[in-house]
Amino acid sequence: KAQADKMIADAKALEAAGAQLLVLECIPSVLAKAITEAVTIPTIGIGAGKDTDGQILVMHDLVGISAGYIPKFSKNFLLETGNMPDAVKKYCDDVKSGAFPGPDHEFN
């Protein structure tokens, strides 16, 4: 709780200092939601759940090109679609619809 409160205070301080957005990476989805609600600037999540203002996923993770490690927050959209353009489109569609990230891709 103390660490979460500090992160929320830090996010507010960054906004007050002039930050124009925050990237929230690999944090519990509940905390990402609390930070998003505490600031007026956009929050972008990567491994931070679906309640941020936007999502980002490194292309290598999006298409499953890795060196043997697959981050919990990633999903191989290429496996589902079979080609790169459709994989990117599916990622975008799933983010817009709220299907991605799902509970399997969140930290608690």
Protein backbone atom coordinates (compact mmCIF):
# COMPACT_ATOMS: atom_id res chain seq x y z
CA LYS A 1 0.00 0.00 0.00
CA ALA A 2 2.79 2.43 0.88
CA GLN A 3 4.58 1.73 -2.40
CA ALA A 4 1.36 2.15 -4.37
CA ASP A 5 0.61 5.44 -2.62
CA LYS A 6 4.13 6.64 -3.44
CA MET A 7 3.71 5.73 -7.11
CA ILE A 8 0.44 7.66 -7.27
CA ALA A 9 2.10 10.66 -5.59
CA ASP A 10 5.05 10.37 -7.99
CA ALA A 11 2.68 10.28 -10.98
CA LYS A 12 0.98 13.46 -9.75
CA ALA A 13 4.38 15.09 -9.22
CA LEU A 14 5.49 14.16 -12.75
CA GLU A 15 2.29 15.66 -14.13
CA ALA A 16 2.83 18.84 -12.08
CA ALA A 17 6.41 19.02 -13.39
CA GLY A 18 5.14 19.03 -16.97
CA ALA A 19 5.07 15.40 -18.06
CA GLN A 20 2.69 14.98 -20.97
CA LEU A 21 2.06 11.25 -20.53
CA LEU A 22 3.07 8.34 -18.35
CA VAL A 23 4.07 4.85 -19.42
CA LEU A 24 3.04 2.29 -16.81
CA GLU A 25 4.93 -0.97 -17.23
CA CYS A 26 4.55 -4.28 -15.38
CA ILE A 27 2.52 -2.98 -12.48
CA PRO A 28 -0.65 -4.41 -10.95
CA SER A 29 -3.72 -3.49 -12.97
CA VAL A 30 -5.43 -2.06 -9.86
CA LEU A 31 -2.52 0.36 -9.37
CA ALA A 32 -2.49 1.34 -13.05
CA LYS A 33 -6.19 2.15 -12.80
CA ALA A 34 -5.62 4.24 -9.64
CA ILE A 35 -2.80 6.19 -11.30
CA THR A 36 -4.88 6.75 -14.43
CA GLU A 37 -7.71 8.11 -12.32
CA ALA A 38 -5.35 10.31 -10.27
CA VAL A 39 -3.83 12.23 -13.20
CA THR A 40 -5.27 14.12 -16.14
CA ILE A 41 -2.47 13.27 -18.58
CA PRO A 42 -2.75 10.07 -20.65
CA THR A 43 -1.38 6.82 -19.27
CA ILE A 44 -0.07 4.16 -21.61
CA GLY A 45 0.10 0.61 -20.34
CA ILE A 46 2.41 -2.28 -21.12
CA GLY A 47 1.70 -5.04 -18.68
CA ALA A 48 -0.50 -2.73 -16.63
CA GLY A 49 -3.99 -3.98 -17.43
CA LYS A 50 -6.75 -2.56 -19.57
CA ASP A 51 -7.67 0.51 -17.52
CA THR A 52 -4.97 2.82 -18.86
CA ASP A 53 -5.74 5.39 -21.54
CA GLY A 54 -3.81 3.47 -24.19
CA GLN A 55 -1.76 0.36 -24.79
CA ILE A 56 1.63 -0.39 -26.29
CA LEU A 57 3.19 -3.72 -27.13
CA VAL A 58 6.67 -4.15 -28.56
CA MET A 59 6.42 -5.53 -32.09
CA HIS A 60 8.63 -8.51 -31.24
CA ASP A 61 6.19 -9.50 -28.50
CA LEU A 62 3.17 -8.85 -30.71
CA VAL A 63 4.41 -11.37 -33.31
CA GLY A 64 6.21 -13.80 -31.00
CA ILE A 65 9.78 -13.07 -32.04
CA SER A 66 11.69 -13.59 -28.83
CA ALA A 67 14.86 -15.13 -27.49
CA GLY A 68 13.03 -17.83 -25.57
CA TYR A 69 11.23 -15.53 -23.15
CA ILE A 70 7.61 -14.48 -23.56
CA PRO A 71 6.54 -11.70 -21.19
CA LYS A 72 3.35 -12.36 -19.23
CA PHE A 73 1.74 -9.25 -20.69
CA SER A 74 2.35 -10.19 -24.32
CA LYS A 75 0.30 -12.17 -26.77
CA ASN A 76 1.44 -13.65 -30.07
CA PHE A 77 -1.11 -12.23 -32.50
CA LEU A 78 0.79 -13.73 -35.44
CA LEU A 79 -0.19 -17.22 -34.30
CA GLU A 80 -3.84 -16.23 -34.55
CA THR A 81 -3.64 -14.47 -37.90
CA GLY A 82 -0.80 -15.98 -39.91
CA ASN A 83 0.63 -12.71 -41.26
CA MET A 84 2.10 -9.49 -39.95
CA PRO A 85 -0.46 -6.95 -41.24
CA ASP A 86 -3.36 -8.97 -39.85
CA ALA A 87 -1.51 -9.50 -36.56
CA VAL A 88 -1.13 -5.73 -36.10
CA LYS A 89 -4.75 -5.16 -37.09
CA LYS A 90 -5.96 -7.83 -34.64
CA TYR A 91 -3.89 -6.26 -31.85
CA CYS A 92 -5.43 -2.84 -32.57
CA ASP A 93 -8.93 -4.27 -32.81
CA ASP A 94 -8.53 -6.24 -29.57
CA VAL A 95 -7.23 -3.19 -27.70
CA LYS A 96 -10.10 -1.04 -28.99
CA SER A 97 -12.71 -3.65 -28.08
CA GLY A 98 -11.21 -4.29 -24.64
CA ALA A 99 -10.40 -7.93 -25.41
CA PHE A 100 -6.67 -7.24 -24.91
CA PRO A 101 -5.11 -7.12 -22.47
CA GLY A 102 -7.15 -9.68 -20.61
CA PRO A 103 -6.76 -11.11 -17.12
CA ASP A 104 -4.08 -13.54 -18.35
CA HIS A 105 -1.89 -10.59 -19.33
CA GLU A 106 -2.16 -8.62 -16.07
CA PHE A 107 -0.06 -8.45 -12.93
CA ASN A 108 -1.86 -8.64 -9.60
